Amino acid sequence: MSLDDLKSAVPDYAKDLKLNLGSVIGNSDLPQQQLWGTVLACAIASRSPRVLAELEPEARENLKPEAYNAAKSAAAVMAMNNVFYRTRHLLSDPEYGTLRAGLRMNVIGNPGVEKVDFELWSLAVSAINGCGQCLDSHEQVLRKAGVERDTIQEAFKIAAVIQAVGTTLDAEAVLAAAE
C-alpha cells in the first residue's frame, strides 16, 4: 500500500484530486518530519479507512517513532479539542467561554517532538475538523515561532487534499457496494 496505490484508486472524475495528492505530498517543501507527520495526522482525521491504510505505512517509514506517535497524538487530542472549542464558539451564550474546560491535553505541552511540528499537525487536523478557534490559536503560535504563511498554508493544503480524497474514495466504496 502506498501513495501511488491511493492515487491510482482516485476515479477519473476526480483527476484533480489525484494530481493534487501527488503534488502536496510528492512536491512539498516541508521537511520530512513536518510533511509525513501532517500526512499521518490528516489521514487519521479524515476518518477514511482507505486513506489511512494507504498512507500510514509510508508515514511510519518516514517518521521516527516519537514523531509517529506525536502525529497520532495531535490527531487524537485535536479530535477532542476541535469539537469542544468549536461548540463553545458556536453557542450563542458567551458564558461558556468563561468556564474551565477541565479536559486533559498534556500532550500539547510535551508532544515529544519540536513544538512547531506538533502545532503544524494540530492546525492541519483543525482544518479538517473545521474549528476556527483552534485554527486561529495554532496559527498564532506558529507565526510567533517564525513559521511563514507559506508553510502554514502547505499544511492545510495537505489537509484539504487528504480529506477530499478520503471523501471521494469512501463515497465510491458505498456506491460500488450498492450496485
N, C-alpha and C. Protein backbone atom coordinates (compact mmCIF):
# COMPACT_ATOMS: atom_id res chain seq x y z
N MET A 1 0.84 -1.18 0.00
CA MET A 1 0.00 0.00 0.00
C MET A 1 0.88 1.23 0.00
N SER A 2 0.42 2.27 -0.72
CA SER A 2 1.27 3.43 -0.85
C SER A 2 0.53 4.62 -1.41
N LEU A 3 1.25 5.72 -1.50
CA LEU A 3 0.72 6.93 -2.12
C LEU A 3 0.33 6.64 -3.56
N ASP A 4 1.14 5.89 -4.28
CA ASP A 4 0.82 5.56 -5.67
C ASP A 4 -0.45 4.73 -5.76
N ASP A 5 -0.64 3.78 -4.84
CA ASP A 5 -1.88 3.00 -4.82
C ASP A 5 -3.08 3.89 -4.56
N LEU A 6 -2.92 4.84 -3.67
CA LEU A 6 -4.01 5.75 -3.34
C LEU A 6 -4.35 6.62 -4.55
N LYS A 7 -3.33 7.14 -5.20
CA LYS A 7 -3.57 7.96 -6.40
C LYS A 7 -4.27 7.16 -7.49
N SER A 8 -3.85 5.92 -7.67
CA SER A 8 -4.46 5.10 -8.73
C SER A 8 -5.91 4.73 -8.40
N ALA A 9 -6.29 4.78 -7.14
CA ALA A 9 -7.66 4.47 -6.74
C ALA A 9 -8.62 5.63 -6.96
N VAL A 10 -8.10 6.83 -7.12
CA VAL A 10 -8.95 8.01 -7.31
C VAL A 10 -9.60 7.91 -8.69
N PRO A 11 -10.93 8.02 -8.74
CA PRO A 11 -11.63 7.88 -10.03
C PRO A 11 -11.30 9.03 -10.99
N ASP A 12 -11.52 8.76 -12.28
CA ASP A 12 -11.20 9.74 -13.32
C ASP A 12 -11.91 11.07 -13.11
N TYR A 13 -13.15 11.04 -12.62
CA TYR A 13 -13.88 12.30 -12.45
C TYR A 13 -13.24 13.21 -11.40
N ALA A 14 -12.35 12.63 -10.59
CA ALA A 14 -11.67 13.41 -9.55
C ALA A 14 -10.17 13.49 -9.85
N LYS A 15 -9.83 13.59 -11.13
CA LYS A 15 -8.44 13.64 -11.55
C LYS A 15 -7.67 14.76 -10.85
N ASP A 16 -8.31 15.89 -10.59
CA ASP A 16 -7.65 17.00 -9.90
C ASP A 16 -7.16 16.56 -8.53
N LEU A 17 -7.94 15.74 -7.85
CA LEU A 17 -7.51 15.25 -6.54
C LEU A 17 -6.27 14.38 -6.66
N LYS A 18 -6.24 13.53 -7.67
CA LYS A 18 -5.07 12.67 -7.90
C LYS A 18 -3.82 13.53 -8.14
N LEU A 19 -3.96 14.54 -8.98
CA LEU A 19 -2.84 15.43 -9.27
C LEU A 19 -2.41 16.21 -8.02
N ASN A 20 -3.40 16.71 -7.29
CA ASN A 20 -3.09 17.47 -6.07
C ASN A 20 -2.45 16.59 -5.01
N LEU A 21 -2.89 15.36 -4.89
CA LEU A 21 -2.32 14.44 -3.91
C LEU A 21 -0.84 14.22 -4.20
N GLY A 22 -0.52 13.97 -5.45
CA GLY A 22 0.87 13.81 -5.83
C GLY A 22 1.68 15.07 -5.59
N SER A 23 1.06 16.21 -5.82
CA SER A 23 1.76 17.48 -5.66
C SER A 23 2.00 17.85 -4.20
N VAL A 24 0.96 17.78 -3.37
CA VAL A 24 1.12 18.24 -1.98
C VAL A 24 2.01 17.32 -1.16
N ILE A 25 2.09 16.06 -1.55
CA ILE A 25 2.98 15.15 -0.83
C ILE A 25 4.30 14.99 -1.57
N GLY A 26 4.25 14.74 -2.86
CA GLY A 26 5.46 14.47 -3.62
C GLY A 26 6.33 15.69 -3.89
N ASN A 27 5.73 16.88 -3.92
CA ASN A 27 6.49 18.09 -4.24
C ASN A 27 6.51 19.09 -3.09
N SER A 28 6.26 18.64 -1.90
CA SER A 28 6.21 19.54 -0.76
C SER A 28 7.59 20.05 -0.39
N ASP A 29 7.63 21.30 0.03
CA ASP A 29 8.87 21.89 0.54
C ASP A 29 9.03 21.69 2.04
N LEU A 30 8.04 21.07 2.68
CA LEU A 30 8.14 20.83 4.11
C LEU A 30 9.26 19.84 4.40
N PRO A 31 9.95 20.01 5.52
CA PRO A 31 10.91 18.99 5.94
C PRO A 31 10.18 17.65 6.13
N GLN A 32 10.90 16.56 5.97
CA GLN A 32 10.32 15.21 6.01
C GLN A 32 9.42 14.98 7.23
N GLN A 33 9.89 15.36 8.40
CA GLN A 33 9.08 15.12 9.61
C GLN A 33 7.80 15.94 9.59
N GLN A 34 7.87 17.18 9.21
CA GLN A 34 6.65 18.00 9.14
C GLN A 34 5.69 17.45 8.10
N LEU A 35 6.23 17.08 6.94
CA LEU A 35 5.39 16.55 5.87
C LEU A 35 4.67 15.28 6.29
N TRP A 36 5.43 14.28 6.72
CA TRP A 36 4.81 12.98 7.00
C TRP A 36 4.00 12.99 8.29
N GLY A 37 4.36 13.84 9.24
CA GLY A 37 3.51 14.00 10.42
C GLY A 37 2.17 14.62 10.05
N THR A 38 2.21 15.60 9.15
CA THR A 38 0.97 16.22 8.67
C THR A 38 0.14 15.20 7.91
N VAL A 39 0.79 14.43 7.04
CA VAL A 39 0.08 13.40 6.27
C VAL A 39 -0.59 12.39 7.21
N LEU A 40 0.14 11.90 8.19
CA LEU A 40 -0.42 10.89 9.10
C LEU A 40 -1.56 11.47 9.94
N ALA A 41 -1.35 12.64 10.53
CA ALA A 41 -2.40 13.26 11.35
C ALA A 41 -3.66 13.51 10.52
N CYS A 42 -3.47 13.97 9.29
CA CYS A 42 -4.62 14.24 8.42
C CYS A 42 -5.30 12.96 7.95
N ALA A 43 -4.52 11.93 7.68
CA ALA A 43 -5.11 10.65 7.28
C ALA A 43 -6.00 10.11 8.41
N ILE A 44 -5.54 10.24 9.62
CA ILE A 44 -6.36 9.83 10.77
C ILE A 44 -7.60 10.70 10.87
N ALA A 45 -7.41 12.01 10.79
CA ALA A 45 -8.53 12.95 10.93
C ALA A 45 -9.55 12.82 9.81
N SER A 46 -9.12 12.33 8.66
CA SER A 46 -10.05 12.19 7.53
C SER A 46 -11.12 11.13 7.80
N ARG A 47 -10.84 10.24 8.74
CA ARG A 47 -11.75 9.15 9.10
C ARG A 47 -11.98 8.16 7.95
N SER A 48 -11.09 8.18 6.98
CA SER A 48 -11.22 7.28 5.85
C SER A 48 -10.30 6.08 6.05
N PRO A 49 -10.88 4.89 6.23
CA PRO A 49 -10.04 3.70 6.42
C PRO A 49 -9.08 3.48 5.24
N ARG A 50 -9.54 3.74 4.04
CA ARG A 50 -8.70 3.52 2.85
C ARG A 50 -7.51 4.47 2.84
N VAL A 51 -7.77 5.74 3.09
CA VAL A 51 -6.70 6.73 3.09
C VAL A 51 -5.67 6.40 4.17
N LEU A 52 -6.14 6.08 5.35
CA LEU A 52 -5.23 5.75 6.45
C LEU A 52 -4.42 4.49 6.12
N ALA A 53 -5.08 3.46 5.60
CA ALA A 53 -4.39 2.21 5.27
C ALA A 53 -3.31 2.42 4.20
N GLU A 54 -3.56 3.31 3.26
CA GLU A 54 -2.60 3.55 2.19
C GLU A 54 -1.44 4.45 2.61
N LEU A 55 -1.72 5.45 3.44
CA LEU A 55 -0.68 6.44 3.78
C LEU A 55 0.10 6.10 5.05
N GLU A 56 -0.48 5.36 5.96
CA GLU A 56 0.19 5.06 7.24
C GLU A 56 1.53 4.34 7.07
N PRO A 57 1.64 3.32 6.20
CA PRO A 57 2.94 2.65 6.09
C PRO A 57 4.07 3.59 5.65
N GLU A 58 3.79 4.50 4.71
CA GLU A 58 4.82 5.44 4.28
C GLU A 58 5.13 6.45 5.36
N ALA A 59 4.11 6.85 6.10
CA ALA A 59 4.34 7.78 7.22
C ALA A 59 5.23 7.10 8.26
N ARG A 60 4.91 5.87 8.60
CA ARG A 60 5.71 5.12 9.59
C ARG A 60 7.17 5.00 9.11
N GLU A 61 7.34 4.75 7.84
CA GLU A 61 8.67 4.59 7.26
C GLU A 61 9.47 5.91 7.28
N ASN A 62 8.77 7.03 7.14
CA ASN A 62 9.42 8.33 7.03
C ASN A 62 9.51 9.11 8.34
N LEU A 63 8.95 8.56 9.41
CA LEU A 63 8.97 9.24 10.71
C LEU A 63 9.72 8.42 11.74
N LYS A 64 10.42 9.09 12.61
CA LYS A 64 10.99 8.42 13.78
C LYS A 64 9.83 8.03 14.68
N PRO A 65 9.99 7.03 15.53
CA PRO A 65 8.89 6.58 16.38
C PRO A 65 8.25 7.70 17.22
N GLU A 66 9.06 8.61 17.76
CA GLU A 66 8.49 9.68 18.58
C GLU A 66 7.65 10.64 17.73
N ALA A 67 8.04 10.89 16.49
CA ALA A 67 7.26 11.76 15.61
C ALA A 67 5.99 11.04 15.15
N TYR A 68 6.09 9.75 14.88
CA TYR A 68 4.92 8.96 14.50
C TYR A 68 3.87 9.02 15.62
N ASN A 69 4.31 8.80 16.85
CA ASN A 69 3.37 8.87 17.98
C ASN A 69 2.84 10.27 18.21
N ALA A 70 3.68 11.28 18.03
CA ALA A 70 3.23 12.66 18.22
C ALA A 70 2.19 13.05 17.18
N ALA A 71 2.36 12.60 15.95
CA ALA A 71 1.36 12.90 14.91
C ALA A 71 0.02 12.24 15.25
N LYS A 72 0.08 11.01 15.73
CA LYS A 72 -1.16 10.35 16.16
C LYS A 72 -1.76 11.07 17.36
N SER A 73 -0.91 11.54 18.27
CA SER A 73 -1.39 12.30 19.43
C SER A 73 -2.06 13.60 19.01
N ALA A 74 -1.49 14.27 18.01
CA ALA A 74 -2.09 15.51 17.51
C ALA A 74 -3.49 15.23 16.97
N ALA A 75 -3.63 14.16 16.20
CA ALA A 75 -4.94 13.81 15.66
C ALA A 75 -5.93 13.49 16.78
N ALA A 76 -5.45 12.79 17.80
CA ALA A 76 -6.33 12.38 18.91
C ALA A 76 -6.79 13.58 19.74
N VAL A 77 -5.83 14.39 20.18
CA VAL A 77 -6.21 15.49 21.06
C VAL A 77 -7.03 16.54 20.32
N MET A 78 -6.73 16.73 19.02
CA MET A 78 -7.50 17.72 18.27
C MET A 78 -8.90 17.20 17.94
N ALA A 79 -9.08 15.89 17.85
CA ALA A 79 -10.42 15.34 17.67
C ALA A 79 -11.31 15.78 18.83
N MET A 80 -10.75 15.79 20.01
CA MET A 80 -11.49 16.24 21.20
C MET A 80 -11.61 17.77 21.23
N ASN A 81 -10.47 18.44 21.12
CA ASN A 81 -10.46 19.90 21.24
C ASN A 81 -11.28 20.59 20.17
N ASN A 82 -11.22 20.09 18.95
CA ASN A 82 -11.97 20.73 17.88
C ASN A 82 -13.47 20.69 18.13
N VAL A 83 -13.97 19.60 18.64
CA VAL A 83 -15.40 19.52 18.97
C VAL A 83 -15.72 20.47 20.13
N PHE A 84 -14.88 20.41 21.17
CA PHE A 84 -15.15 21.22 22.36
C PHE A 84 -15.10 22.71 22.04
N TYR A 85 -14.00 23.17 21.44
CA TYR A 85 -13.85 24.61 21.20
C TYR A 85 -14.74 25.12 20.08
N ARG A 86 -15.00 24.31 19.08
CA ARG A 86 -15.94 24.72 18.03
C ARG A 86 -17.34 24.88 18.62
N THR A 87 -17.73 23.97 19.49
CA THR A 87 -19.05 24.06 20.11
C THR A 87 -19.15 25.29 20.98
N ARG A 88 -18.14 25.53 21.78
CA ARG A 88 -18.11 26.74 22.63
C ARG A 88 -18.26 28.00 21.78
N HIS A 89 -17.57 28.01 20.67
CA HIS A 89 -17.60 29.18 19.79
C HIS A 89 -18.96 29.35 19.12
N LEU A 90 -19.59 28.24 18.76
CA LEU A 90 -20.85 28.31 18.03
C LEU A 90 -22.05 28.60 18.92
N LEU A 91 -21.95 28.28 20.20
CA LEU A 91 -23.06 28.58 21.11
C LEU A 91 -23.21 30.09 21.24
N SER A 92 -24.45 30.54 21.26
CA SER A 92 -24.69 31.99 21.33
C SER A 92 -24.46 32.54 22.74
N ASP A 93 -24.35 31.69 23.72
CA ASP A 93 -24.13 32.13 25.10
C ASP A 93 -22.63 32.24 25.38
N PRO A 94 -22.09 33.46 25.48
CA PRO A 94 -20.65 33.64 25.67
C PRO A 94 -20.14 33.19 27.04
N GLU A 95 -21.03 32.90 27.96
CA GLU A 95 -20.62 32.46 29.29
C GLU A 95 -19.86 31.13 29.25
N TYR A 96 -20.14 30.29 28.25
CA TYR A 96 -19.41 29.03 28.14
C TYR A 96 -17.92 29.27 27.99
N GLY A 97 -17.55 30.38 27.36
CA GLY A 97 -16.15 30.72 27.17
C GLY A 97 -15.45 31.09 28.46
N THR A 98 -16.20 31.36 29.50
CA THR A 98 -15.59 31.72 30.79
C THR A 98 -15.43 30.50 31.70
N LEU A 99 -16.04 29.39 31.33
CA LEU A 99 -15.97 28.18 32.15
C LEU A 99 -14.66 27.44 31.91
N ARG A 100 -14.17 26.81 32.95
CA ARG A 100 -12.96 25.99 32.86
C ARG A 100 -13.24 24.80 31.95
N ALA A 101 -12.33 24.53 31.01
CA ALA A 101 -12.53 23.41 30.09
C ALA A 101 -12.51 22.08 30.84
N GLY A 102 -11.54 21.90 31.73
CA GLY A 102 -11.47 20.67 32.50
C GLY A 102 -11.14 19.44 31.68
N LEU A 103 -10.47 19.62 30.55
CA LEU A 103 -10.07 18.50 29.70
C LEU A 103 -8.56 18.35 29.73
N ARG A 104 -8.10 17.13 29.84
CA ARG A 104 -6.66 16.89 29.83
C ARG A 104 -6.14 17.00 28.40
N MET A 105 -5.07 17.76 28.26
CA MET A 105 -4.41 17.90 26.96
C MET A 105 -2.92 18.14 27.18
N ASN A 106 -2.34 17.33 28.07
CA ASN A 106 -0.93 17.46 28.43
C ASN A 106 0.00 17.30 27.23
N VAL A 107 -0.41 16.52 26.24
CA VAL A 107 0.45 16.27 25.09
C VAL A 107 0.79 17.55 24.35
N ILE A 108 -0.06 18.55 24.40
CA ILE A 108 0.22 19.81 23.72
C ILE A 108 1.45 20.48 24.33
N GLY A 109 1.61 20.40 25.63
CA GLY A 109 2.75 20.99 26.30
C GLY A 109 4.03 20.18 26.17
N ASN A 110 3.88 18.87 25.97
CA ASN A 110 5.06 18.00 25.87
C ASN A 110 4.79 16.91 24.83
N PRO A 111 4.83 17.28 23.54
CA PRO A 111 4.46 16.33 22.49
C PRO A 111 5.53 15.30 22.12
N GLY A 112 6.76 15.50 22.59
CA GLY A 112 7.82 14.56 22.25
C GLY A 112 8.56 14.90 20.96
N VAL A 113 8.15 15.97 20.29
CA VAL A 113 8.82 16.48 19.08
C VAL A 113 8.88 17.99 19.20
N GLU A 114 9.51 18.62 18.22
CA GLU A 114 9.55 20.08 18.18
C GLU A 114 8.12 20.63 18.27
N LYS A 115 7.95 21.64 19.11
CA LYS A 115 6.62 22.24 19.31
C LYS A 115 6.02 22.73 17.98
N VAL A 116 6.86 23.31 17.12
CA VAL A 116 6.37 23.81 15.84
C VAL A 116 5.76 22.68 15.01
N ASP A 117 6.39 21.53 14.99
CA ASP A 117 5.85 20.41 14.22
C ASP A 117 4.49 19.99 14.75
N PHE A 118 4.40 19.85 16.06
CA PHE A 118 3.13 19.44 16.67
C PHE A 118 2.04 20.48 16.40
N GLU A 119 2.38 21.74 16.50
CA GLU A 119 1.42 22.82 16.23
C GLU A 119 0.95 22.77 14.78
N LEU A 120 1.87 22.50 13.86
CA LEU A 120 1.51 22.41 12.45
C LEU A 120 0.54 21.27 12.21
N TRP A 121 0.81 20.13 12.83
CA TRP A 121 -0.09 18.98 12.70
C TRP A 121 -1.45 19.27 13.33
N SER A 122 -1.45 19.94 14.45
CA SER A 122 -2.70 20.30 15.12
C SER A 122 -3.51 21.26 14.26
N LEU A 123 -2.84 22.19 13.61
CA LEU A 123 -3.52 23.13 12.73
C LEU A 123 -4.16 22.38 11.55
N ALA A 124 -3.42 21.46 10.95
CA ALA A 124 -3.94 20.70 9.81
C ALA A 124 -5.17 19.88 10.20
N VAL A 125 -5.12 19.23 11.35
CA VAL A 125 -6.27 18.46 11.82
C VAL A 125 -7.45 19.39 12.11
N SER A 126 -7.18 20.56 12.67
CA SER A 126 -8.23 21.53 12.95
C SER A 126 -8.89 22.02 11.67
N ALA A 127 -8.11 22.10 10.58
CA ALA A 127 -8.68 22.47 9.29
C ALA A 127 -9.68 21.42 8.83
N ILE A 128 -9.33 20.16 8.97
CA ILE A 128 -10.25 19.08 8.58
C ILE A 128 -11.49 19.10 9.46
N ASN A 129 -11.31 19.33 10.74
CA ASN A 129 -12.43 19.30 11.68
C ASN A 129 -13.20 20.62 11.74
N GLY A 130 -12.72 21.64 11.07
CA GLY A 130 -13.46 22.89 10.95
C GLY A 130 -13.59 23.69 12.22
N CYS A 131 -12.54 23.77 13.02
CA CYS A 131 -12.61 24.55 14.26
C CYS A 131 -11.82 25.85 14.08
N GLY A 132 -12.53 26.94 13.86
CA GLY A 132 -11.91 28.24 13.65
C GLY A 132 -11.10 28.71 14.84
N GLN A 133 -11.60 28.47 16.04
CA GLN A 133 -10.88 28.90 17.23
C GLN A 133 -9.54 28.17 17.35
N CYS A 134 -9.53 26.88 17.09
CA CYS A 134 -8.28 26.12 17.14
C CYS A 134 -7.35 26.52 16.00
N LEU A 135 -7.91 26.76 14.82
CA LEU A 135 -7.08 27.21 13.70
C LEU A 135 -6.38 28.52 14.06
N ASP A 136 -7.14 29.46 14.57
CA ASP A 136 -6.55 30.75 14.96
C ASP A 136 -5.47 30.57 16.02
N SER A 137 -5.75 29.77 17.01
CA SER A 137 -4.81 29.57 18.10
C SER A 137 -3.49 28.95 17.61
N HIS A 138 -3.58 27.88 16.81
CA HIS A 138 -2.36 27.21 16.33
C HIS A 138 -1.62 28.08 15.32
N GLU A 139 -2.35 28.80 14.49
CA GLU A 139 -1.71 29.69 13.52
C GLU A 139 -0.93 30.79 14.24
N GLN A 140 -1.50 31.33 15.30
CA GLN A 140 -0.82 32.38 16.05
C GLN A 140 0.46 31.85 16.71
N VAL A 141 0.41 30.66 17.28
CA VAL A 141 1.60 30.06 17.89
C VAL A 141 2.68 29.84 16.81
N LEU A 142 2.28 29.34 15.67
CA LEU A 142 3.23 29.10 14.59
C LEU A 142 3.85 30.40 14.08
N ARG A 143 3.03 31.41 13.90
CA ARG A 143 3.54 32.69 13.41
C ARG A 143 4.49 33.32 14.43
N LYS A 144 4.15 33.23 15.72
CA LYS A 144 5.05 33.77 16.77
C LYS A 144 6.37 33.01 16.80
N ALA A 145 6.36 31.76 16.37
CA ALA A 145 7.59 30.95 16.33
C ALA A 145 8.38 31.21 15.04
N GLY A 146 7.88 32.10 14.21
CA GLY A 146 8.59 32.45 12.98
C GLY A 146 8.25 31.63 11.76
N VAL A 147 7.21 30.82 11.85
CA VAL A 147 6.81 29.99 10.71
C VAL A 147 6.11 30.88 9.68
N GLU A 148 6.53 30.76 8.45
CA GLU A 148 5.99 31.57 7.36
C GLU A 148 4.58 31.09 6.97
N ARG A 149 3.82 32.00 6.41
CA ARG A 149 2.46 31.68 5.97
C ARG A 149 2.46 30.58 4.91
N ASP A 150 3.46 30.57 4.04
CA ASP A 150 3.53 29.53 3.00
C ASP A 150 3.61 28.13 3.62
N THR A 151 4.36 28.01 4.70
CA THR A 151 4.49 26.72 5.39
C THR A 151 3.17 26.33 6.03
N ILE A 152 2.52 27.27 6.66
CA ILE A 152 1.22 27.01 7.30
C ILE A 152 0.20 26.61 6.24
N GLN A 153 0.20 27.34 5.13
CA GLN A 153 -0.75 27.01 4.07
C GLN A 153 -0.46 25.63 3.48
N GLU A 154 0.81 25.26 3.41
CA GLU A 154 1.16 23.93 2.92
C GLU A 154 0.49 22.85 3.77
N ALA A 155 0.46 23.05 5.06
CA ALA A 155 -0.17 22.07 5.96
C ALA A 155 -1.66 21.97 5.71
N PHE A 156 -2.34 23.11 5.55
CA PHE A 156 -3.78 22.97 5.34
C PHE A 156 -4.13 22.61 3.90
N LYS A 157 -3.21 22.78 2.96
CA LYS A 157 -3.42 22.22 1.62
C LYS A 157 -3.39 20.70 1.69
N ILE A 158 -2.42 20.17 2.42
CA ILE A 158 -2.35 18.72 2.61
C ILE A 158 -3.64 18.22 3.25
N ALA A 159 -4.11 18.92 4.26
CA ALA A 159 -5.36 18.54 4.94
C ALA A 159 -6.53 18.54 3.96
N ALA A 160 -6.63 19.58 3.15
CA ALA A 160 -7.75 19.69 2.20
C ALA A 160 -7.74 18.54 1.20
N VAL A 161 -6.58 18.23 0.66
CA VAL A 161 -6.49 17.19 -0.36
C VAL A 161 -6.74 15.81 0.25
N ILE A 162 -6.13 15.53 1.39
CA ILE A 162 -6.35 14.22 2.02
C ILE A 162 -7.82 14.03 2.39
N GLN A 163 -8.44 15.06 2.92
CA GLN A 163 -9.86 14.98 3.27
C GLN A 163 -10.71 14.73 2.02
N ALA A 164 -10.43 15.44 0.94
CA ALA A 164 -11.20 15.28 -0.30
C ALA A 164 -11.01 13.88 -0.89
N VAL A 165 -9.79 13.37 -0.87
CA VAL A 165 -9.54 12.02 -1.38
C VAL A 165 -10.29 11.00 -0.53
N GLY A 166 -10.26 11.16 0.78
CA GLY A 166 -11.00 10.24 1.65
C GLY A 166 -12.49 10.26 1.39
N THR A 167 -13.05 11.45 1.27
CA THR A 167 -14.48 11.59 1.00
C THR A 167 -14.84 10.91 -0.32
N THR A 168 -14.03 11.15 -1.34
CA THR A 168 -14.29 10.60 -2.67
C THR A 168 -14.19 9.07 -2.68
N LEU A 169 -13.13 8.54 -2.11
CA LEU A 169 -12.95 7.08 -2.12
C LEU A 169 -13.98 6.37 -1.25
N ASP A 170 -14.33 6.96 -0.12
CA ASP A 170 -15.35 6.35 0.72
C ASP A 170 -16.72 6.37 0.04
N ALA A 171 -17.01 7.46 -0.69
CA ALA A 171 -18.28 7.53 -1.42
C ALA A 171 -18.28 6.48 -2.53
N GLU A 172 -17.17 6.33 -3.22
CA GLU A 172 -17.08 5.33 -4.29
C GLU A 172 -17.30 3.92 -3.74
N ALA A 173 -16.76 3.65 -2.56
CA ALA A 173 -16.93 2.33 -1.95
C ALA A 173 -18.40 2.06 -1.63
N VAL A 174 -19.08 3.05 -1.12
CA VAL A 174 -20.51 2.90 -0.82
C VAL A 174 -21.31 2.71 -2.10
N LEU A 175 -21.01 3.51 -3.11
CA LEU A 175 -21.74 3.40 -4.39
C LEU A 175 -21.49 2.05 -5.04
N ALA A 176 -20.26 1.56 -4.99
CA ALA A 176 -19.93 0.24 -5.58
C ALA A 176 -20.67 -0.88 -4.85
N ALA A 177 -20.78 -0.75 -3.54
CA ALA A 177 -21.48 -1.77 -2.76
C ALA A 177 -22.98 -1.78 -3.03
N ALA A 178 -23.51 -0.62 -3.43
CA ALA A 178 -24.95 -0.50 -3.69
C ALA A 178 -25.32 -1.05 -5.06
N GLU A 179 -24.34 -1.25 -5.92
CA GLU A 179 -24.64 -1.74 -7.29
C GLU A 179 -25.00 -3.19 -7.30
